[in-house]
Amino acid sequence: MKRTDLSILKMYSHLLAALLFVFGMGTSCDSNKDSSTVAGNGSPYAKFKIKGNVKSDSTNANIAAIKVLSPKDSTMTDSSGNYQLEIESYPAGQTFMVHFVDADGNLNGAFHTKDTVATFTNPQYIDGDGSWYEGETSTQLNVKLKPE
């Protein structure tokens, strides 16, 4: 390679590094701080908890073994019909679709599937870290399933 070719490559390399820095793609480390702390890009997030109970529409009895699904988490109701979902998402008012499905067939009776939404309007967050993590918020979503 000629000397002028190397100069051109170095110039392009410096130009690319400057553009990456301007657009936030570079990293920096403050020598006065812990060396494991690196500046970087991120996105604020929060933990949304949906808690509740599932009962029979006809007998008002708690229903165990109901599968509870959301786009980002799933669980089963316990022996008392209780469940909890945890979803990490952008910290703002949110609406999450929640599906309730009888997963055990006739063991505890057969129930129809139910789709509903959990809504977080003007959520209040607790235990944030003062950085990207805003904290957590929760809502109660109790449902009644109709027997088949």
Protein backbone atom coordinates (compact mmCIF):
# COMPACT_ATOMS: atom_id res chain seq x y z
CA MET A 1 0.00 0.00 0.00
CA LYS A 2 1.22 3.46 -0.79
CA ARG A 3 1.75 6.06 1.90
CA THR A 4 -1.09 8.22 0.52
CA ASP A 5 -3.47 5.23 0.69
CA LEU A 6 -2.65 4.79 4.40
CA SER A 7 -3.27 8.51 5.01
CA ILE A 8 -6.67 8.28 3.35
CA LEU A 9 -7.57 5.20 5.43
CA LYS A 10 -6.54 6.95 8.65
CA MET A 11 -8.59 9.99 7.68
CA TYR A 12 -11.69 7.81 7.02
CA SER A 13 -11.10 5.96 10.29
CA HIS A 14 -10.99 9.23 12.27
CA LEU A 15 -14.06 10.53 10.45
CA LEU A 16 -16.00 7.34 11.21
CA ALA A 17 -14.97 7.45 14.88
CA ALA A 18 -16.12 11.08 15.12
CA LEU A 19 -19.50 10.24 13.54
CA LEU A 20 -20.01 7.29 15.88
CA PHE A 21 -19.20 9.52 18.85
CA VAL A 22 -21.66 12.21 17.68
CA PHE A 23 -24.45 9.64 17.30
CA GLY A 24 -23.79 8.15 20.73
CA MET A 25 -22.16 4.93 19.64
CA GLY A 26 -18.87 5.57 21.37
CA THR A 27 -18.16 4.67 24.99
CA SER A 28 -16.20 6.48 27.59
CA CYS A 29 -14.91 5.64 31.02
CA ASP A 30 -14.16 8.17 33.76
CA SER A 31 -10.83 7.26 35.34
CA ASN A 32 -11.94 8.77 38.68
CA LYS A 33 -14.81 6.28 38.97
CA ASP A 34 -15.05 2.53 39.24
CA SER A 35 -13.65 1.13 36.00
CA SER A 36 -16.66 -1.17 35.60
CA THR A 37 -18.95 1.84 35.13
CA VAL A 38 -19.17 2.59 31.44
CA ALA A 39 -21.34 5.25 29.89
CA GLY A 40 -23.77 3.83 27.40
CA ASN A 41 -27.14 4.10 25.78
CA GLY A 42 -30.27 2.66 27.28
CA SER A 43 -33.98 2.92 27.52
CA PRO A 44 -36.13 3.60 30.57
CA TYR A 45 -38.21 0.67 31.78
CA ALA A 46 -40.47 -0.37 34.62
CA LYS A 47 -41.90 -3.59 36.01
CA PHE A 48 -45.68 -3.97 35.70
CA LYS A 49 -47.20 -6.59 38.04
CA ILE A 50 -50.64 -8.02 37.38
CA LYS A 51 -52.00 -9.89 40.41
CA GLY A 52 -55.34 -11.53 40.90
CA ASN A 53 -57.59 -14.45 41.58
CA VAL A 54 -59.60 -16.76 39.32
CA LYS A 55 -62.97 -18.10 40.45
CA SER A 56 -65.82 -20.08 38.99
CA ASP A 57 -68.65 -17.90 37.72
CA SER A 58 -71.29 -20.37 38.93
CA THR A 59 -69.95 -21.52 42.34
CA ASN A 60 -67.59 -18.65 43.25
CA ALA A 61 -64.96 -21.29 44.13
CA ASN A 62 -61.26 -20.62 43.49
CA ILE A 63 -59.88 -22.43 40.44
CA ALA A 64 -56.40 -23.96 40.44
CA ALA A 65 -54.35 -24.86 37.35
CA ILE A 66 -55.62 -22.08 35.10
CA LYS A 67 -52.93 -20.93 32.67
CA VAL A 68 -52.57 -17.12 32.71
CA LEU A 69 -50.80 -15.67 29.66
CA SER A 70 -49.65 -12.24 28.56
CA PRO A 71 -47.37 -11.32 25.65
CA LYS A 72 -44.28 -11.30 27.90
CA ASP A 73 -45.03 -13.66 30.82
CA SER A 74 -47.12 -16.66 31.79
CA THR A 75 -47.97 -18.55 34.96
CA MET A 76 -50.51 -20.94 36.49
CA THR A 77 -52.98 -20.22 39.26
CA ASP A 78 -52.07 -21.84 42.57
CA SER A 79 -54.36 -24.03 44.68
CA SER A 80 -56.17 -20.87 45.90
CA GLY A 81 -56.70 -19.54 42.36
CA ASN A 82 -54.10 -16.77 42.79
CA TYR A 83 -51.60 -15.70 40.13
CA GLN A 84 -49.05 -12.97 39.38
CA LEU A 85 -47.55 -11.81 36.07
CA GLU A 86 -44.51 -9.53 35.76
CA ILE A 87 -43.93 -7.56 32.57
CA GLU A 88 -41.06 -5.17 31.88
CA SER A 89 -42.01 -2.35 29.55
CA TYR A 90 -41.67 1.39 28.91
CA PRO A 91 -42.72 3.40 32.01
CA ALA A 92 -46.00 4.96 30.88
CA GLY A 93 -49.69 4.15 30.89
CA GLN A 94 -49.94 0.63 29.51
CA THR A 95 -52.59 -1.91 28.52
CA PHE A 96 -51.72 -5.61 28.47
CA MET A 97 -53.85 -8.40 27.02
CA VAL A 98 -54.29 -11.27 29.50
CA HIS A 99 -55.60 -14.75 28.52
CA PHE A 100 -57.02 -17.28 30.98
CA VAL A 101 -57.03 -20.88 29.72
CA ASP A 102 -58.17 -24.05 31.51
CA ALA A 103 -55.02 -26.14 31.20
CA ASP A 104 -55.96 -29.30 33.13
CA GLY A 105 -59.08 -30.34 31.27
CA ASN A 106 -61.73 -31.86 33.55
CA LEU A 107 -59.57 -32.34 36.68
CA ASN A 108 -61.12 -29.34 38.42
CA GLY A 109 -64.01 -28.88 36.01
CA ALA A 110 -63.90 -27.54 32.48
CA PHE A 111 -63.98 -23.76 31.99
CA HIS A 112 -64.22 -21.46 28.99
CA THR A 113 -61.20 -19.41 27.96
CA LYS A 114 -61.38 -15.71 28.81
CA ASP A 115 -59.48 -12.79 27.27
CA THR A 116 -59.35 -9.46 29.06
CA VAL A 117 -57.01 -6.49 29.56
CA ALA A 118 -55.04 -5.12 32.47
CA THR A 119 -54.82 -1.34 32.29
CA PHE A 120 -52.27 0.87 34.01
CA THR A 121 -53.44 4.51 33.86
CA ASN A 122 -51.02 7.10 35.30
CA PRO A 123 -49.01 4.40 37.09
CA GLN A 124 -47.08 5.26 40.26
CA TYR A 125 -43.71 3.52 40.52
CA ILE A 126 -41.84 2.43 43.64
CA ASP A 127 -38.23 1.32 44.23
CA GLY A 128 -36.68 2.84 41.10
CA ASP A 129 -32.90 3.10 40.92
CA GLY A 130 -32.70 6.75 39.80
CA SER A 131 -31.34 5.67 36.42
CA TRP A 132 -33.07 3.70 33.66
CA TYR A 133 -35.23 1.58 36.02
CA GLU A 134 -38.29 3.61 37.06
CA GLY A 135 -39.48 0.99 39.55
CA GLU A 136 -42.53 -1.24 39.77
CA THR A 137 -46.27 -0.78 39.81
CA SER A 138 -49.12 -3.25 40.18
CA THR A 139 -52.80 -3.73 39.55
CA GLN A 140 -55.39 -6.25 40.69
CA LEU A 141 -57.24 -8.27 38.02
CA ASN A 142 -59.72 -10.80 39.40
CA VAL A 143 -61.73 -12.85 36.90
CA LYS A 144 -64.56 -15.35 36.90
CA LEU A 145 -64.62 -18.16 34.35
CA LYS A 146 -67.78 -19.75 33.04
CA PRO A 147 -68.05 -23.54 33.26
CA GLU A 148 -68.38 -25.40 29.97
